[in-house]
C-alpha atoms as a PDB file:
ATOM      1  CA  UNK A   1     -35.743  -3.346   8.971  1.00  0.00           C
ATOM      2  CA  UNK A   2     -36.796  -0.570   6.596  1.00  0.00           C
ATOM      3  CA  UNK A   3     -39.660  -2.673   5.252  1.00  0.00           C
ATOM      4  CA  UNK A   4     -43.421  -2.069   5.402  1.00  0.00           C
ATOM      5  CA  UNK A   5     -45.945  -4.901   5.009  1.00  0.00           C
ATOM      6  CA  UNK A   6     -49.068  -4.868   2.833  1.00  0.00           C
ATOM      7  CA  UNK A   7     -51.797  -7.496   3.355  1.00  0.00           C
ATOM      8  CA  UNK A   8     -54.871  -7.673   1.094  1.00  0.00           C
ATOM      9  CA  UNK A   9     -58.055  -8.890   2.771  1.00  0.00           C
ATOM     10  CA  UNK A  10     -61.721  -9.689   2.217  1.00  0.00           C
ATOM     11  CA  UNK A  11     -63.435 -11.606   5.023  1.00  0.00           C
ATOM     12  CA  UNK A  12     -60.176 -13.051   6.342  1.00  0.00           C
ATOM     13  CA  UNK A  13     -60.950 -13.418  10.059  1.00  0.00           C
ATOM     14  CA  UNK A  14     -59.818 -17.052   9.940  1.00  0.00           C
ATOM     15  CA  UNK A  15     -56.418 -16.598   8.281  1.00  0.00           C
ATOM     16  CA  UNK A  16     -55.463 -13.041   9.202  1.00  0.00           C
ATOM     17  CA  UNK A  17     -54.303 -13.694  12.809  1.00  0.00           C
ATOM     18  CA  UNK A  18     -51.659 -16.168  11.667  1.00  0.00           C
ATOM     19  CA  UNK A  19     -50.567 -13.869   8.874  1.00  0.00           C
ATOM     20  CA  UNK A  20     -50.230 -10.923  11.250  1.00  0.00           C
ATOM     21  CA  UNK A  21     -48.276 -13.060  13.709  1.00  0.00           C
ATOM     22  CA  UNK A  22     -45.763 -13.921  10.990  1.00  0.00           C
ATOM     23  CA  UNK A  23     -45.092 -10.196  10.353  1.00  0.00           C
ATOM     24  CA  UNK A  24     -45.148  -9.058  13.989  1.00  0.00           C
ATOM     25  CA  UNK A  25     -41.519  -7.955  13.547  1.00  0.00           C
ATOM     26  CA  UNK A  26     -42.687  -5.068  11.308  1.00  0.00           C
ATOM     27  CA  UNK A  27     -43.590  -1.644  12.728  1.00  0.00           C
ATOM     28  CA  UNK A  28     -45.608  -0.584   9.652  1.00  0.00           C
ATOM     29  CA  UNK A  29     -48.232  -3.187   8.740  1.00  0.00           C
ATOM     30  CA  UNK A  30     -51.038  -2.138   6.388  1.00  0.00           C
ATOM     31  CA  UNK A  31     -54.204  -4.203   5.943  1.00  0.00           C
ATOM     32  CA  UNK A  32     -55.792  -3.235   2.626  1.00  0.00           C
ATOM     33  CA  UNK A  33     -59.378  -4.377   3.006  1.00  0.00           C
ATOM     34  CA  UNK A  34     -62.237  -4.747   0.507  1.00  0.00           C
ATOM     35  CA  UNK A  35     -64.976  -3.911   3.050  1.00  0.00           C
ATOM     36  CA  UNK A  36     -64.989  -7.201   4.899  1.00  0.00           C
ATOM     37  CA  UNK A  37     -68.232  -8.264   6.567  1.00  0.00           C
ATOM     38  CA  UNK A  38     -66.617 -10.303   9.336  1.00  0.00           C
ATOM     39  CA  UNK A  39     -64.091  -9.421  12.066  1.00  0.00           C
ATOM     40  CA  UNK A  40     -61.176  -8.811   9.694  1.00  0.00           C
ATOM     41  CA  UNK A  41     -60.881  -5.072  10.359  1.00  0.00           C
ATOM     42  CA  UNK A  42     -61.322  -5.540  14.100  1.00  0.00           C
ATOM     43  CA  UNK A  43     -58.544  -8.142  14.181  1.00  0.00           C
ATOM     44  CA  UNK A  44     -56.243  -5.948  12.101  1.00  0.00           C
ATOM     45  CA  UNK A  45     -56.678  -2.890  14.292  1.00  0.00           C
ATOM     46  CA  UNK A  46     -56.297  -4.886  17.480  1.00  0.00           C
ATOM     47  CA  UNK A  47     -52.912  -6.054  16.178  1.00  0.00           C
ATOM     48  CA  UNK A  48     -51.853  -2.462  15.544  1.00  0.00           C
ATOM     49  CA  UNK A  49     -52.160  -2.552  11.764  1.00  0.00           C
ATOM     50  CA  UNK A  50     -53.228   0.453   9.697  1.00  0.00           C
ATOM     51  CA  UNK A  51     -56.437  -0.314   7.804  1.00  0.00           C
ATOM     52  CA  UNK A  52     -57.287   1.132   4.396  1.00  0.00           C
ATOM     53  CA  UNK A  53     -60.567   0.159   2.725  1.00  0.00           C
ATOM     54  CA  UNK A  54     -61.542   0.247  -0.948  1.00  0.00           C
ATOM     55  CA  UNK A  55     -64.245  -1.550  -2.919  1.00  0.00           C
ATOM     56  CA  UNK A  56     -62.693  -4.322  -4.995  1.00  0.00           C
ATOM     57  CA  UNK A  57     -63.063  -4.023  -8.782  1.00  0.00           C
ATOM     58  CA  UNK A  58     -60.341  -6.219 -10.262  1.00  0.00           C
ATOM     59  CA  UNK A  59     -56.953  -7.418  -9.089  1.00  0.00           C
ATOM     60  CA  UNK A  60     -54.583  -5.178 -11.000  1.00  0.00           C
ATOM     61  CA  UNK A  61     -56.619  -1.999 -10.485  1.00  0.00           C
ATOM     62  CA  UNK A  62     -57.009  -2.750  -6.788  1.00  0.00           C
ATOM     63  CA  UNK A  63     -53.327  -3.488  -6.253  1.00  0.00           C
ATOM     64  CA  UNK A  64     -52.175  -0.481  -8.279  1.00  0.00           C
ATOM     65  CA  UNK A  65     -54.447   1.840  -6.284  1.00  0.00           C
ATOM     66  CA  UNK A  66     -53.032   0.497  -3.038  1.00  0.00           C
ATOM     67  CA  UNK A  67     -49.425   1.070  -4.054  1.00  0.00           C
ATOM     68  CA  UNK A  68     -50.209   4.581  -5.268  1.00  0.00           C
ATOM     69  CA  UNK A  69     -52.344   5.755  -2.353  1.00  0.00           C
ATOM     70  CA  UNK A  70     -51.321   3.970   0.844  1.00  0.00           C
ATOM     71  CA  UNK A  71     -48.738   5.941   2.823  1.00  0.00           C
ATOM     72  CA  UNK A  72     -45.997   3.489   3.686  1.00  0.00           C
ATOM     73  CA  UNK A  73     -43.474   4.408   6.345  1.00  0.00           C
ATOM     74  CA  UNK A  74     -40.573   2.594   4.690  1.00  0.00           C
ATOM     75  CA  UNK A  75     -39.175   2.634   1.127  1.00  0.00           C
ATOM     76  CA  UNK A  76     -39.636  -1.116   0.650  1.00  0.00           C
ATOM     77  CA  UNK A  77     -42.917  -3.062   0.823  1.00  0.00           C
ATOM     78  CA  UNK A  78     -43.413  -6.779   1.430  1.00  0.00           C
ATOM     79  CA  UNK A  79     -46.752  -7.764  -0.099  1.00  0.00           C
ATOM     80  CA  UNK A  80     -48.494 -10.909   1.198  1.00  0.00           C
ATOM     81  CA  UNK A  81     -51.988 -12.358   1.263  1.00  0.00           C
ATOM     82  CA  UNK A  82     -53.847 -13.363   4.413  1.00  0.00           C
ATOM     83  CA  UNK A  83     -53.388 -17.072   3.653  1.00  0.00           C
ATOM     84  CA  UNK A  84     -49.617 -16.626   3.433  1.00  0.00           C
ATOM     85  CA  UNK A  85     -46.965 -16.627   6.146  1.00  0.00           C
ATOM     86  CA  UNK A  86     -43.432 -15.268   6.386  1.00  0.00           C
ATOM     87  CA  UNK A  87     -41.406 -18.359   7.243  1.00  0.00           C
ATOM     88  CA  UNK A  88     -38.481 -18.381   9.658  1.00  0.00           C
ATOM     89  CA  UNK A  89     -36.081 -18.742   6.725  1.00  0.00           C
ATOM     90  CA  UNK A  90     -37.562 -15.709   4.952  1.00  0.00           C
ATOM     91  CA  UNK A  91     -37.507 -13.639   8.137  1.00  0.00           C
ATOM     92  CA  UNK A  92     -33.827 -14.477   8.636  1.00  0.00           C
ATOM     93  CA  UNK A  93     -33.115 -13.333   5.086  1.00  0.00           C
ATOM     94  CA  UNK A  94     -35.060 -10.105   5.536  1.00  0.00           C
ATOM     95  CA  UNK A  95     -33.186  -9.357   8.734  1.00  0.00           C
ATOM     96  CA  UNK A  96     -29.793  -9.782   7.084  1.00  0.00           C
ATOM     97  CA  UNK A  97     -30.612  -8.556   3.572  1.00  0.00           C
ATOM     98  CA  UNK A  98     -28.639  -5.610   2.238  1.00  0.00           C
ATOM     99  CA  UNK A  99     -31.285  -3.946   0.070  1.00  0.00           C
ATOM    100  CA  UNK A 100     -29.501  -2.893  -3.098  1.00  0.00           C
ATOM    101  CA  UNK A 101     -29.883   0.580  -4.593  1.00  0.00           C
ATOM    102  CA  UNK A 102     -29.748  -0.750  -8.156  1.00  0.00           C
ATOM    103  CA  UNK A 103     -32.651  -3.180  -7.602  1.00  0.00           C
ATOM    104  CA  UNK A 104     -36.351  -2.260  -7.501  1.00  0.00           C
ATOM    105  CA  UNK A 105     -37.819  -5.655  -6.564  1.00  0.00           C
ATOM    106  CA  UNK A 106     -36.917  -9.098  -5.231  1.00  0.00           C
ATOM    107  CA  UNK A 107     -38.312 -12.479  -6.206  1.00  0.00           C
ATOM    108  CA  UNK A 108     -39.343 -14.672  -3.292  1.00  0.00           C
ATOM    109  CA  UNK A 109     -40.020 -18.377  -3.573  1.00  0.00           C
ATOM    110  CA  UNK A 110     -43.482 -19.399  -2.408  1.00  0.00           C
ATOM    111  CA  UNK A 111     -44.288 -22.826  -1.021  1.00  0.00           C
ATOM    112  CA  UNK A 112     -47.859 -24.003  -1.577  1.00  0.00           C
ATOM    113  CA  UNK A 113     -49.165 -26.369   1.079  1.00  0.00           C
ATOM    114  CA  UNK A 114     -52.149 -28.670   0.651  1.00  0.00           C
ATOM    115  CA  UNK A 115     -53.968 -30.805   3.178  1.00  0.00           C
ATOM    116  CA  UNK A 116     -52.109 -31.939   6.288  1.00  0.00           C
ATOM    117  CA  UNK A 117     -49.481 -29.267   5.559  1.00  0.00           C
ATOM    118  CA  UNK A 118     -48.106 -31.203   2.594  1.00  0.00           C
ATOM    119  CA  UNK A 119     -45.688 -29.062   0.565  1.00  0.00           C
ATOM    120  CA  UNK A 120     -46.567 -29.310  -3.131  1.00  0.00           C
ATOM    121  CA  UNK A 121     -42.915 -29.154  -4.063  1.00  0.00           C
ATOM    122  CA  UNK A 122     -43.293 -30.631  -7.543  1.00  0.00           C
ATOM    123  CA  UNK A 123     -46.904 -29.789  -8.388  1.00  0.00           C
ATOM    124  CA  UNK A 124     -46.504 -26.048  -7.885  1.00  0.00           C
ATOM    125  CA  UNK A 125     -46.213 -24.341 -11.272  1.00  0.00           C
ATOM    126  CA  UNK A 126     -45.080 -20.800 -10.439  1.00  0.00           C
ATOM    127  CA  UNK A 127     -42.862 -20.716  -7.336  1.00  0.00           C
ATOM    128  CA  UNK A 128     -41.209 -17.278  -7.678  1.00  0.00           C
ATOM    129  CA  UNK A 129     -43.064 -14.000  -7.169  1.00  0.00           C
ATOM    130  CA  UNK A 130     -42.011 -10.353  -6.948  1.00  0.00           C
ATOM    131  CA  UNK A 131     -43.190  -9.654  -3.420  1.00  0.00           C
ATOM    132  CA  UNK A 132     -40.567  -7.267  -1.976  1.00  0.00           C
ATOM    133  CA  UNK A 133     -40.350  -4.035  -3.931  1.00  0.00           C
ATOM    134  CA  UNK A 134     -40.208  -0.264  -4.013  1.00  0.00           C
ATOM    135  CA  UNK A 135     -43.907   0.662  -4.400  1.00  0.00           C
ATOM    136  CA  UNK A 136     -43.233   3.534  -6.804  1.00  0.00           C
ATOM    137  CA  UNK A 137     -41.428   1.085  -9.104  1.00  0.00           C
ATOM    138  CA  UNK A 138     -44.115  -1.599  -9.286  1.00  0.00           C
ATOM    139  CA  UNK A 139     -47.389  -1.928 -11.165  1.00  0.00           C
ATOM    140  CA  UNK A 140     -49.743  -4.775 -12.052  1.00  0.00           C
ATOM    141  CA  UNK A 141     -51.588  -5.911 -15.181  1.00  0.00           C
ATOM    142  CA  UNK A 142     -54.435  -8.395 -15.837  1.00  0.00           C
ATOM    143  CA  UNK A 143     -57.827  -8.557 -14.124  1.00  0.00           C
ATOM    144  CA  UNK A 144     -56.991 -11.751 -12.219  1.00  0.00           C
ATOM    145  CA  UNK A 145     -53.768 -13.622 -11.504  1.00  0.00           C
ATOM    146  CA  UNK A 146     -52.025 -10.309 -12.200  1.00  0.00           C
ATOM    147  CA  UNK A 147     -48.479 -10.087 -13.442  1.00  0.00           C
ATOM    148  CA  UNK A 148     -45.974  -7.816 -11.694  1.00  0.00           C
ATOM    149  CA  UNK A 149     -44.306  -5.190 -13.885  1.00  0.00           C
ATOM    150  CA  UNK A 150     -41.212  -3.761 -12.185  1.00  0.00           C
ATOM    151  CA  UNK A 151     -39.666  -0.538 -13.429  1.00  0.00           C
ATOM    152  CA  UNK A 152     -36.040  -1.613 -13.127  1.00  0.00           C
ATOM    153  CA  UNK A 153     -33.765  -4.551 -12.289  1.00  0.00           C
ATOM    154  CA  UNK A 154     -34.859  -7.383 -10.015  1.00  0.00           C
ATOM    155  CA  UNK A 155     -32.957  -9.884  -7.863  1.00  0.00           C
ATOM    156  CA  UNK A 156     -33.791 -13.135  -6.090  1.00  0.00           C
ATOM    157  CA  UNK A 157     -33.620 -13.707  -2.349  1.00  0.00           C
ATOM    158  CA  UNK A 158     -33.455 -16.767  -0.099  1.00  0.00           C
ATOM    159  CA  UNK A 159     -36.235 -17.967   2.174  1.00  0.00           C
ATOM    160  CA  UNK A 160     -39.809 -19.108   1.657  1.00  0.00           C
ATOM    161  CA  UNK A 161     -43.191 -17.422   1.683  1.00  0.00           C
ATOM    162  CA  UNK A 162     -45.590 -20.137   2.828  1.00  0.00           C
ATOM    163  CA  UNK A 163     -49.037 -20.297   1.203  1.00  0.00           C
ATOM    164  CA  UNK A 164     -52.092 -22.259   2.371  1.00  0.00           C
ATOM    165  CA  UNK A 165     -54.618 -22.045  -0.519  1.00  0.00           C
ATOM    166  CA  UNK A 166     -56.963 -24.652   0.994  1.00  0.00           C
ATOM    167  CA  UNK A 167     -57.123 -23.171   4.498  1.00  0.00           C
ATOM    168  CA  UNK A 168     -60.845 -22.403   4.080  1.00  0.00           C
ATOM    169  CA  UNK A 169     -61.752 -25.733   2.542  1.00  0.00           C
ATOM    170  CA  UNK A 170     -62.398 -27.064  -0.943  1.00  0.00           C
ATOM    171  CA  UNK A 171     -65.795 -25.364  -1.335  1.00  0.00           C
ATOM    172  CA  UNK A 172     -64.198 -21.943  -0.871  1.00  0.00           C
ATOM    173  CA  UNK A 173     -61.422 -22.840  -3.318  1.00  0.00           C
ATOM    174  CA  UNK A 174     -63.964 -23.805  -5.999  1.00  0.00           C
ATOM    175  CA  UNK A 175     -66.092 -20.687  -5.425  1.00  0.00           C
ATOM    176  CA  UNK A 176     -63.069 -18.405  -5.678  1.00  0.00           C
ATOM    177  CA  UNK A 177     -61.785 -20.093  -8.820  1.00  0.00           C
ATOM    178  CA  UNK A 178     -65.158 -19.892 -10.505  1.00  0.00           C
ATOM    179  CA  UNK A 179     -64.956 -16.113 -10.106  1.00  0.00           C
ATOM    180  CA  UNK A 180     -61.364 -16.198 -11.356  1.00  0.00           C
ATOM    181  CA  UNK A 181     -62.518 -18.171 -14.397  1.00  0.00           C
ATOM    182  CA  UNK A 182     -65.026 -15.441 -15.247  1.00  0.00           C
ATOM    183  CA  UNK A 183     -62.291 -12.813 -15.286  1.00  0.00           C
ATOM    184  CA  UNK A 184     -59.875 -15.036 -17.202  1.00  0.00           C
ATOM    185  CA  UNK A 185     -62.570 -15.701 -19.830  1.00  0.00           C
ATOM    186  CA  UNK A 186     -63.318 -11.989 -20.205  1.00  0.00           C
ATOM    187  CA  UNK A 187     -59.624 -11.265 -20.711  1.00  0.00           C
ATOM    188  CA  UNK A 188     -59.483 -14.022 -23.324  1.00  0.00           C
ATOM    189  CA  UNK A 189     -62.338 -12.355 -25.205  1.00  0.00           C
ATOM    190  CA  UNK A 190     -60.596  -8.987 -24.977  1.00  0.00           C
ATOM    191  CA  UNK A 191     -57.434 -10.532 -26.428  1.00  0.00           C
ATOM    192  CA  UNK A 192     -59.438 -12.043 -29.288  1.00  0.00           C
ATOM    193  CA  UNK A 193     -61.174  -8.736 -29.996  1.00  0.00           C
ATOM    194  CA  UNK A 194     -58.033  -6.621 -29.888  1.00  0.00           C
ATOM    195  CA  UNK A 195     -55.824  -9.024 -31.823  1.00  0.00           C
ATOM    196  CA  UNK A 196     -53.145  -9.254 -29.113  1.00  0.00           C
ATOM    197  CA  UNK A 197     -50.105 -11.248 -30.264  1.00  0.00           C
ATOM    198  CA  UNK A 198     -48.154 -13.503 -27.903  1.00  0.00           C
ATOM    199  CA  UNK A 199     -44.539 -14.491 -28.500  1.00  0.00           C
ATOM    200  CA  UNK A 200     -43.134 -17.988 -28.078  1.00  0.00           C
ATOM    201  CA  UNK A 201     -39.643 -16.505 -27.775  1.00  0.00           C
ATOM    202  CA  UNK A 202     -40.797 -14.240 -24.928  1.00  0.00           C
ATOM    203  CA  UNK A 203     -42.649 -17.136 -23.310  1.00  0.00           C
ATOM    204  CA  UNK A 204     -39.518 -19.295 -23.243  1.00  0.00           C
ATOM    205  CA  UNK A 205     -36.534 -16.988 -22.983  1.00  0.00           C
ATOM    206  CA  UNK A 206     -37.425 -13.624 -21.450  1.00  0.00           C
ATOM    207  CA  UNK A 207     -35.353 -13.015 -18.325  1.00  0.00           C
ATOM    208  CA  UNK A 208     -38.356 -11.572 -16.476  1.00  0.00           C
ATOM    209  CA  UNK A 209     -40.549 -14.333 -15.010  1.00  0.00           C
ATOM    210  CA  UNK A 210     -43.669 -12.095 -15.101  1.00  0.00           C
ATOM    211  CA  UNK A 211     -43.280 -11.398 -18.825  1.00  0.00           C
ATOM    212  CA  UNK A 212     -42.624 -15.078 -19.558  1.00  0.00           C
ATOM    213  CA  UNK A 213     -45.777 -15.992 -17.620  1.00  0.00           C
ATOM    214  CA  UNK A 214     -47.860 -13.387 -19.510  1.00  0.00           C
ATOM    215  CA  UNK A 215     -46.880 -14.805 -22.913  1.00  0.00           C
ATOM    216  CA  UNK A 216     -47.141 -18.402 -21.712  1.00  0.00           C
ATOM    217  CA  UNK A 217     -50.724 -17.816 -20.589  1.00  0.00           C
ATOM    218  CA  UNK A 218     -51.613 -16.099 -23.865  1.00  0.00           C
ATOM    219  CA  UNK A 219     -50.225 -18.939 -25.971  1.00  0.00           C
ATOM    220  CA  UNK A 220     -51.665 -21.604 -23.693  1.00  0.00           C
ATOM    221  CA  UNK A 221     -55.191 -20.216 -24.072  1.00  0.00           C
ATOM    222  CA  UNK A 222     -55.012 -20.875 -27.821  1.00  0.00           C
ATOM    223  CA  UNK A 223     -54.264 -24.575 -27.400  1.00  0.00           C
ATOM    224  CA  UNK A 224     -57.068 -27.158 -27.794  1.00  0.00           C
ATOM    225  CA  UNK A 225     -57.562 -29.596 -24.933  1.00  0.00           C
ATOM    226  CA  UNK A 226     -55.570 -27.469 -22.550  1.00  0.00           C
ATOM    227  CA  UNK A 227     -57.194 -28.826 -19.318  1.00  0.00           C
ATOM    228  CA  UNK A 228     -55.775 -32.256 -20.197  1.00  0.00           C
ATOM    229  CA  UNK A 229     -52.474 -30.737 -21.328  1.00  0.00           C
ATOM    230  CA  UNK A 230     -52.163 -28.937 -18.014  1.00  0.00           C
ATOM    231  CA  UNK A 231     -52.840 -32.131 -16.059  1.00  0.00           C
ATOM    232  CA  UNK A 232     -50.207 -34.069 -18.040  1.00  0.00           C
ATOM    233  CA  UNK A 233     -47.726 -31.215 -17.674  1.00  0.00           C
ATOM    234  CA  UNK A 234     -48.192 -31.033 -13.910  1.00  0.00           C
ATOM    235  CA  UNK A 235     -48.324 -34.777 -13.208  1.00  0.00           C
ATOM    236  CA  UNK A 236     -45.789 -36.101 -15.725  1.00  0.00           C
ATOM    237  CA  UNK A 237     -43.412 -33.272 -16.644  1.00  0.00           C
ATOM    238  CA  UNK A 238     -43.336 -31.492 -13.291  1.00  0.00           C
ATOM    239  CA  UNK A 239     -43.690 -34.863 -11.523  1.00  0.00           C
ATOM    240  CA  UNK A 240     -46.573 -33.902  -9.243  1.00  0.00           C
ATOM    241  CA  UNK A 241     -46.964 -37.612  -8.522  1.00  0.00           C
ATOM    242  CA  UNK A 242     -43.882 -37.296  -6.296  1.00  0.00           C
ATOM    243  CA  UNK A 243     -46.040 -35.185  -3.961  1.00  0.00           C
ATOM    244  CA  UNK A 244     -48.302 -38.192  -3.505  1.00  0.00           C
ATOM    245  CA  UNK A 245     -52.091 -38.030  -3.468  1.00  0.00           C
ATOM    246  CA  UNK A 246     -51.965 -34.307  -2.622  1.00  0.00           C
ATOM    247  CA  UNK A 247     -49.974 -33.588  -5.777  1.00  0.00           C
ATOM    248  CA  UNK A 248     -52.323 -35.576  -8.025  1.00  0.00           C
ATOM    249  CA  UNK A 249     -55.346 -33.917  -6.433  1.00  0.00           C
ATOM    250  CA  UNK A 250     -53.850 -30.455  -6.845  1.00  0.00           C
ATOM    251  CA  UNK A 251     -53.067 -31.110 -10.525  1.00  0.00           C
ATOM    252  CA  UNK A 252     -56.625 -32.320 -11.077  1.00  0.00           C
ATOM    253  CA  UNK A 253     -58.090 -29.227  -9.414  1.00  0.00           C
ATOM    254  CA  UNK A 254     -55.910 -26.956 -11.545  1.00  0.00           C
ATOM    255  CA  UNK A 255     -57.086 -28.788 -14.663  1.00  0.00           C
ATOM    256  CA  UNK A 256     -60.717 -28.382 -13.595  1.00  0.00           C
ATOM    257  CA  UNK A 257     -60.073 -24.658 -13.115  1.00  0.00           C
ATOM    258  CA  UNK A 258     -58.694 -24.525 -16.657  1.00  0.00           C
ATOM    259  CA  UNK A 259     -61.881 -26.223 -17.867  1.00  0.00           C
ATOM    260  CA  UNK A 260     -63.947 -23.605 -16.029  1.00  0.00           C
ATOM    261  CA  UNK A 261     -62.181 -20.954 -18.128  1.00  0.00           C
ATOM    262  CA  UNK A 262     -62.890 -22.891 -21.333  1.00  0.00           C
ATOM    263  CA  UNK A 263     -66.592 -23.238 -20.508  1.00  0.00           C
ATOM    264  CA  UNK A 264     -67.032 -19.604 -19.432  1.00  0.00           C
ATOM    265  CA  UNK A 265     -65.272 -18.369 -22.571  1.00  0.00           C
ATOM    266  CA  UNK A 266     -67.661 -20.416 -24.716  1.00  0.00           C
ATOM    267  CA  UNK A 267     -70.650 -19.078 -22.786  1.00  0.00           C
ATOM    268  CA  UNK A 268     -69.526 -15.475 -23.240  1.00  0.00           C
ATOM    269  CA  UNK A 269     -68.919 -16.038 -26.948  1.00  0.00           C
ATOM    270  CA  UNK A 270     -72.370 -17.620 -27.403  1.00  0.00           C
ATOM    271  CA  UNK A 271     -74.055 -14.748 -25.589  1.00  0.00           C
ATOM    272  CA  UNK A 272     -72.416 -11.970 -27.599  1.00  0.00           C
END
């Protein structure tokens, strides 16, 4: 396969071995590390991966630097995180996929798994991500939860990218999302200061999922009571209750994260 693999890491000694195992079919694996303090780099090099290190600043800047500066062997790059795995179904698709000249990126469906490997089939909000692309035709925007901006047409492919967001436990999840909330709140303040306008038409009808998501987030941040709205949307409209206790718990955690953003935005506004 003419596909390179890019894995972003920061202290991922627990999850990286499984991730590397799932891409062992690739002869050009790059681990893009933010100066880990554990055995991440050692594990990567032992597996034959090429390691590039850069101090993390924010998500879009970090990802854009990687795509512009890492020397990939192949014209296509599969980007995954250390807590993600290429499933057997996705590998089969990659092995048989005829990469089209008129396409610059492919959407891949991600499956989020909670405790006891429970697939959050209904609770998951955003299942499709642009993860296979030509690096020269891709860029990212937003400080956190970045959106992918492809320079050209995209297509959708079969197979699943499996994601285990709770692999390090609930304490790690909360700590990470508190830092995410800080960046989301700062972006909200920037939007307020610069008078950015978000479009309901773009949020609902744009053919590009990344653009729809960008406008959806912008409009959502203006809504009062959005932590509760998000919980109702996930549990009732998306039917997270069909995922059982794991689905309800996941919806509640996502609503708490939304409340973190609300609180941090208020704190930043009060301290201006």
